[in-house]
Amino acid sequence: MNRKAYLEELNNKSVEELSQELVSAKKELFNLRFQNATNQLKNTARIKEVRRNIARIQTVISSKAE
């Protein structure tokens, strides 16, 4: 999914949905880091992508809180 479509999708969600998506993204990041530490991760760029998605989610949550 491209960045603009992902941002539009995030902006259309409620804060509760965004919070749940944030939790699942953090779990995914933990699993990716674990796989990377045990040399099981094939696509290491996925870690960077998930980190950026977490930042995007947090940004949308904070902008909706204002």
PDB file of N, CA and C in Angstrom:
ATOM      1  N   MET A   1       0.852  -1.169   0.000  1.00  0.00           N
ATOM      2  CA  MET A   1       0.000   0.000   0.000  1.00  0.00           C
ATOM      3  C   MET A   1       0.904   1.239   0.000  1.00  0.00           C
ATOM      4  N   ASN A   2       0.572   2.204  -0.828  1.00  0.00           N
ATOM      5  CA  ASN A   2       1.418   3.393  -0.850  1.00  0.00           C
ATOM      6  C   ASN A   2       1.119   4.294   0.341  1.00  0.00           C
ATOM      7  N   ARG A   3       1.999   5.245   0.538  1.00  0.00           N
ATOM      8  CA  ARG A   3       1.952   6.077   1.736  1.00  0.00           C
ATOM      9  C   ARG A   3       0.691   6.923   1.815  1.00  0.00           C
ATOM     10  N   LYS A   4       0.292   7.541   0.705  1.00  0.00           N
ATOM     11  CA  LYS A   4      -0.893   8.419   0.731  1.00  0.00           C
ATOM     12  C   LYS A   4      -2.159   7.637   1.055  1.00  0.00           C
ATOM     13  N   ALA A   5      -2.305   6.468   0.469  1.00  0.00           N
ATOM     14  CA  ALA A   5      -3.488   5.648   0.742  1.00  0.00           C
ATOM     15  C   ALA A   5      -3.489   5.196   2.195  1.00  0.00           C
ATOM     16  N   TYR A   6      -2.317   4.868   2.725  1.00  0.00           N
ATOM     17  CA  TYR A   6      -2.216   4.435   4.114  1.00  0.00           C
ATOM     18  C   TYR A   6      -2.584   5.588   5.051  1.00  0.00           C
ATOM     19  N   LEU A   7      -2.124   6.801   4.740  1.00  0.00           N
ATOM     20  CA  LEU A   7      -2.452   7.953   5.576  1.00  0.00           C
ATOM     21  C   LEU A   7      -3.941   8.269   5.531  1.00  0.00           C
ATOM     22  N   GLU A   8      -4.550   8.163   4.358  1.00  0.00           N
ATOM     23  CA  GLU A   8      -5.994   8.392   4.261  1.00  0.00           C
ATOM     24  C   GLU A   8      -6.758   7.363   5.080  1.00  0.00           C
ATOM     25  N   GLU A   9      -6.300   6.121   5.019  1.00  0.00           N
ATOM     26  CA  GLU A   9      -6.937   5.058   5.798  1.00  0.00           C
ATOM     27  C   GLU A   9      -6.825   5.356   7.291  1.00  0.00           C
ATOM     28  N   LEU A  10      -5.650   5.812   7.729  1.00  0.00           N
ATOM     29  CA  LEU A  10      -5.456   6.135   9.144  1.00  0.00           C
ATOM     30  C   LEU A  10      -6.331   7.304   9.567  1.00  0.00           C
ATOM     31  N   ASN A  11      -6.446   8.314   8.716  1.00  0.00           N
ATOM     32  CA  ASN A  11      -7.245   9.489   9.063  1.00  0.00           C
ATOM     33  C   ASN A  11      -8.731   9.164   9.169  1.00  0.00           C
ATOM     34  N   ASN A  12      -9.179   8.116   8.495  1.00  0.00           N
ATOM     35  CA  ASN A  12     -10.596   7.750   8.541  1.00  0.00           C
ATOM     36  C   ASN A  12     -10.946   6.876   9.738  1.00  0.00           C
ATOM     37  N   LYS A  13      -9.941   6.436  10.488  1.00  0.00           N
ATOM     38  CA  LYS A  13     -10.200   5.569  11.644  1.00  0.00           C
ATOM     39  C   LYS A  13     -10.371   6.392  12.908  1.00  0.00           C
ATOM     40  N   SER A  14     -11.054   5.786  13.879  1.00  0.00           N
ATOM     41  CA  SER A  14     -11.234   6.456  15.168  1.00  0.00           C
ATOM     42  C   SER A  14      -9.970   6.255  16.011  1.00  0.00           C
ATOM     43  N   VAL A  15      -9.904   6.979  17.125  1.00  0.00           N
ATOM     44  CA  VAL A  15      -8.735   6.899  17.994  1.00  0.00           C
ATOM     45  C   VAL A  15      -8.607   5.494  18.590  1.00  0.00           C
ATOM     46  N   GLU A  16      -9.735   4.842  18.890  1.00  0.00           N
ATOM     47  CA  GLU A  16      -9.694   3.498  19.451  1.00  0.00           C
ATOM     48  C   GLU A  16      -9.129   2.504  18.437  1.00  0.00           C
ATOM     49  N   GLU A  17      -9.571   2.635  17.180  1.00  0.00           N
ATOM     50  CA  GLU A  17      -9.061   1.756  16.130  1.00  0.00           C
ATOM     51  C   GLU A  17      -7.568   1.999  15.901  1.00  0.00           C
ATOM     52  N   LEU A  18      -7.168   3.258  15.956  1.00  0.00           N
ATOM     53  CA  LEU A  18      -5.753   3.584  15.778  1.00  0.00           C
ATOM     54  C   LEU A  18      -4.912   3.019  16.920  1.00  0.00           C
ATOM     55  N   SER A  19      -5.457   3.060  18.128  1.00  0.00           N
ATOM     56  CA  SER A  19      -4.729   2.513  19.272  1.00  0.00           C
ATOM     57  C   SER A  19      -4.529   1.013  19.125  1.00  0.00           C
ATOM     58  N   GLN A  20      -5.554   0.326  18.638  1.00  0.00           N
ATOM     59  CA  GLN A  20      -5.424  -1.115  18.426  1.00  0.00           C
ATOM     60  C   GLN A  20      -4.431  -1.418  17.316  1.00  0.00           C
ATOM     61  N   GLU A  21      -4.444  -0.609  16.276  1.00  0.00           N
ATOM     62  CA  GLU A  21      -3.492  -0.811  15.189  1.00  0.00           C
ATOM     63  C   GLU A  21      -2.064  -0.534  15.663  1.00  0.00           C
ATOM     64  N   LEU A  22      -1.913   0.433  16.559  1.00  0.00           N
ATOM     65  CA  LEU A  22      -0.602   0.744  17.128  1.00  0.00           C
ATOM     66  C   LEU A  22      -0.072  -0.437  17.935  1.00  0.00           C
ATOM     67  N   VAL A  23      -0.935  -1.040  18.732  1.00  0.00           N
ATOM     68  CA  VAL A  23      -0.527  -2.203  19.523  1.00  0.00           C
ATOM     69  C   VAL A  23      -0.097  -3.355  18.616  1.00  0.00           C
ATOM     70  N   SER A  24      -0.865  -3.606  17.565  1.00  0.00           N
ATOM     71  CA  SER A  24      -0.503  -4.715  16.669  1.00  0.00           C
ATOM     72  C   SER A  24       0.786  -4.413  15.914  1.00  0.00           C
ATOM     73  N   ALA A  25       1.023  -3.139  15.552  1.00  0.00           N
ATOM     74  CA  ALA A  25       2.262  -2.777  14.864  1.00  0.00           C
ATOM     75  C   ALA A  25       3.460  -2.942  15.793  1.00  0.00           C
ATOM     76  N   LYS A  26       3.286  -2.616  17.064  1.00  0.00           N
ATOM     77  CA  LYS A  26       4.381  -2.790  18.017  1.00  0.00           C
ATOM     78  C   LYS A  26       4.683  -4.265  18.247  1.00  0.00           C
ATOM     79  N   LYS A  27       3.642  -5.094  18.270  1.00  0.00           N
ATOM     80  CA  LYS A  27       3.856  -6.538  18.389  1.00  0.00           C
ATOM     81  C   LYS A  27       4.603  -7.070  17.171  1.00  0.00           C
ATOM     82  N   GLU A  28       4.213  -6.583  15.992  1.00  0.00           N
ATOM     83  CA  GLU A  28       4.887  -7.015  14.775  1.00  0.00           C
ATOM     84  C   GLU A  28       6.356  -6.601  14.795  1.00  0.00           C
ATOM     85  N   LEU A  29       6.631  -5.386  15.265  1.00  0.00           N
ATOM     86  CA  LEU A  29       8.009  -4.914  15.352  1.00  0.00           C
ATOM     87  C   LEU A  29       8.818  -5.778  16.311  1.00  0.00           C
ATOM     88  N   PHE A  30       8.217  -6.145  17.436  1.00  0.00           N
ATOM     89  CA  PHE A  30       8.898  -7.022  18.388  1.00  0.00           C
ATOM     90  C   PHE A  30       9.242  -8.354  17.735  1.00  0.00           C
ATOM     91  N   ASN A  31       8.270  -8.936  17.026  1.00  0.00           N
ATOM     92  CA  ASN A  31       8.506 -10.217  16.366  1.00  0.00           C
ATOM     93  C   ASN A  31       9.579 -10.114  15.290  1.00  0.00           C
ATOM     94  N   LEU A  32       9.570  -9.007  14.545  1.00  0.00           N
ATOM     95  CA  LEU A  32      10.593  -8.816  13.520  1.00  0.00           C
ATOM     96  C   LEU A  32      11.976  -8.686  14.137  1.00  0.00           C
ATOM     97  N   ARG A  33      12.071  -7.956  15.230  1.00  0.00           N
ATOM     98  CA  ARG A  33      13.368  -7.815  15.907  1.00  0.00           C
ATOM     99  C   ARG A  33      13.849  -9.162  16.441  1.00  0.00           C
ATOM    100  N   PHE A  34      12.926  -9.940  16.962  1.00  0.00           N
ATOM    101  CA  PHE A  34      13.278 -11.266  17.473  1.00  0.00           C
ATOM    102  C   PHE A  34      13.781 -12.157  16.340  1.00  0.00           C
ATOM    103  N   GLN A  35      13.075 -12.137  15.209  1.00  0.00           N
ATOM    104  CA  GLN A  35      13.504 -12.926  14.050  1.00  0.00           C
ATOM    105  C   GLN A  35      14.854 -12.457  13.543  1.00  0.00           C
ATOM    106  N   ASN A  36      15.091 -11.153  13.571  1.00  0.00           N
ATOM    107  CA  ASN A  36      16.360 -10.621  13.112  1.00  0.00           C
ATOM    108  C   ASN A  36      17.500 -11.078  14.029  1.00  0.00           C
ATOM    109  N   ALA A  37      17.245 -11.113  15.328  1.00  0.00           N
ATOM    110  CA  ALA A  37      18.267 -11.516  16.281  1.00  0.00           C
ATOM    111  C   ALA A  37      18.625 -12.989  16.134  1.00  0.00           C
ATOM    112  N   THR A  38      17.655 -13.789  15.698  1.00  0.00           N
ATOM    113  CA  THR A  38      17.907 -15.221  15.539  1.00  0.00           C
ATOM    114  C   THR A  38      18.218 -15.594  14.091  1.00  0.00           C
ATOM    115  N   ASN A  39      18.501 -14.580  13.266  1.00  0.00           N
ATOM    116  CA  ASN A  39      18.859 -14.772  11.856  1.00  0.00           C
ATOM    117  C   ASN A  39      17.801 -15.524  11.051  1.00  0.00           C
ATOM    118  N   GLN A  40      16.540 -15.280  11.346  1.00  0.00           N
ATOM    119  CA  GLN A  40      15.450 -15.903  10.602  1.00  0.00           C
ATOM    120  C   GLN A  40      14.738 -14.908   9.687  1.00  0.00           C
ATOM    121  N   LEU A  41      15.091 -13.622   9.798  1.00  0.00           N
ATOM    122  CA  LEU A  41      14.398 -12.587   9.039  1.00  0.00           C
ATOM    123  C   LEU A  41      15.031 -12.434   7.664  1.00  0.00           C
ATOM    124  N   LYS A  42      14.210 -12.567   6.630  1.00  0.00           N
ATOM    125  CA  LYS A  42      14.696 -12.442   5.255  1.00  0.00           C
ATOM    126  C   LYS A  42      14.676 -10.997   4.784  1.00  0.00           C
ATOM    127  N   ASN A  43      13.591 -10.283   5.083  1.00  0.00           N
ATOM    128  CA  ASN A  43      13.418  -8.917   4.604  1.00  0.00           C
ATOM    129  C   ASN A  43      13.641  -7.941   5.760  1.00  0.00           C
ATOM    130  N   THR A  44      14.876  -7.487   5.941  1.00  0.00           N
ATOM    131  CA  THR A  44      15.182  -6.594   7.060  1.00  0.00           C
ATOM    132  C   THR A  44      14.609  -5.195   6.856  1.00  0.00           C
ATOM    133  N   ALA A  45      14.270  -4.828   5.638  1.00  0.00           N
ATOM    134  CA  ALA A  45      13.682  -3.514   5.381  1.00  0.00           C
ATOM    135  C   ALA A  45      12.294  -3.393   6.010  1.00  0.00           C
ATOM    136  N   ARG A  46      11.683  -4.510   6.305  1.00  0.00           N
ATOM    137  CA  ARG A  46      10.346  -4.504   6.917  1.00  0.00           C
ATOM    138  C   ARG A  46      10.390  -3.847   8.298  1.00  0.00           C
ATOM    139  N   ILE A  47      11.514  -3.979   9.010  1.00  0.00           N
ATOM    140  CA  ILE A  47      11.645  -3.350  10.323  1.00  0.00           C
ATOM    141  C   ILE A  47      11.510  -1.836  10.194  1.00  0.00           C
ATOM    142  N   LYS A  48      12.206  -1.259   9.225  1.00  0.00           N
ATOM    143  CA  LYS A  48      12.152   0.185   9.002  1.00  0.00           C
ATOM    144  C   LYS A  48      10.748   0.625   8.612  1.00  0.00           C
ATOM    145  N   GLU A  49      10.097  -0.158   7.777  1.00  0.00           N
ATOM    146  CA  GLU A  49       8.739   0.161   7.334  1.00  0.00           C
ATOM    147  C   GLU A  49       7.759   0.160   8.503  1.00  0.00           C
ATOM    148  N   VAL A  50       7.866  -0.835   9.379  1.00  0.00           N
ATOM    149  CA  VAL A  50       6.960  -0.927  10.524  1.00  0.00           C
ATOM    150  C   VAL A  50       7.228   0.220  11.503  1.00  0.00           C
ATOM    151  N   ARG A  51       8.495   0.569  11.697  1.00  0.00           N
ATOM    152  CA  ARG A  51       8.817   1.690  12.586  1.00  0.00           C
ATOM    153  C   ARG A  51       8.203   2.986  12.076  1.00  0.00           C
ATOM    154  N   ARG A  52       8.265   3.192  10.777  1.00  0.00           N
ATOM    155  CA  ARG A  52       7.682   4.403  10.202  1.00  0.00           C
ATOM    156  C   ARG A  52       6.165   4.387  10.300  1.00  0.00           C
ATOM    157  N   ASN A  53       5.564   3.209  10.128  1.00  0.00           N
ATOM    158  CA  ASN A  53       4.108   3.106  10.268  1.00  0.00           C
ATOM    159  C   ASN A  53       3.680   3.414  11.699  1.00  0.00           C
ATOM    160  N   ILE A  54       4.471   2.966  12.676  1.00  0.00           N
ATOM    161  CA  ILE A  54       4.170   3.271  14.077  1.00  0.00           C
ATOM    162  C   ILE A  54       4.208   4.775  14.292  1.00  0.00           C
ATOM    163  N   ALA A  55       5.215   5.433  13.731  1.00  0.00           N
ATOM    164  CA  ALA A  55       5.314   6.891  13.863  1.00  0.00           C
ATOM    165  C   ALA A  55       4.136   7.581  13.200  1.00  0.00           C
ATOM    166  N   ARG A  56       3.704   7.078  12.052  1.00  0.00           N
ATOM    167  CA  ARG A  56       2.552   7.664  11.364  1.00  0.00           C
ATOM    168  C   ARG A  56       1.288   7.526  12.204  1.00  0.00           C
ATOM    169  N   ILE A  57       1.100   6.349  12.784  1.00  0.00           N
ATOM    170  CA  ILE A  57      -0.082   6.108  13.617  1.00  0.00           C
ATOM    171  C   ILE A  57      -0.067   7.046  14.815  1.00  0.00           C
ATOM    172  N   GLN A  58       1.077   7.174  15.468  1.00  0.00           N
ATOM    173  CA  GLN A  58       1.176   8.048  16.636  1.00  0.00           C
ATOM    174  C   GLN A  58       0.922   9.505  16.261  1.00  0.00           C
ATOM    175  N   THR A  59       1.383   9.912  15.092  1.00  0.00           N
ATOM    176  CA  THR A  59       1.155  11.285  14.629  1.00  0.00           C
ATOM    177  C   THR A  59      -0.331  11.553  14.421  1.00  0.00           C
ATOM    178  N   VAL A  60      -1.025  10.603  13.812  1.00  0.00           N
ATOM    179  CA  VAL A  60      -2.458  10.770  13.569  1.00  0.00           C
ATOM    180  C   VAL A  60      -3.219  10.787  14.889  1.00  0.00           C
ATOM    181  N   ILE A  61      -2.817   9.938  15.819  1.00  0.00           N
ATOM    182  CA  ILE A  61      -3.475   9.922  17.143  1.00  0.00           C
ATOM    183  C   ILE A  61      -3.295  11.262  17.842  1.00  0.00           C
ATOM    184  N   SER A  62      -2.091  11.802  17.807  1.00  0.00           N
ATOM    185  CA  SER A  62      -1.850  13.083  18.502  1.00  0.00           C
ATOM    186  C   SER A  62      -2.560  14.242  17.806  1.00  0.00           C
ATOM    187  N   SER A  63      -2.677  14.184  16.486  1.00  0.00           N
ATOM    188  CA  SER A  63      -3.384  15.255  15.800  1.00  0.00           C
ATOM    189  C   SER A  63      -4.892  15.196  16.073  1.00  0.00           C
ATOM    190  N   LYS A  64      -5.430  14.003  16.278  1.00  0.00           N
ATOM    191  CA  LYS A  64      -6.855  13.881  16.592  1.00  0.00           C
ATOM    192  C   LYS A  64      -7.133  14.264  18.047  1.00  0.00           C
ATOM    193  N   ALA A  65      -6.118  14.174  18.898  1.00  0.00           N
ATOM    194  CA  ALA A  65      -6.297  14.516  20.314  1.00  0.00           C
ATOM    195  C   ALA A  65      -6.381  16.014  20.526  1.00  0.00           C
ATOM    196  N   GLU A  66      -5.867  16.787  19.586  1.00  0.00           N
ATOM    197  CA  GLU A  66      -5.874  18.257  19.742  1.00  0.00           C
ATOM    198  C   GLU A  66      -7.235  18.855  19.531  1.00  0.00           C
TER     199      GLU A  66
END
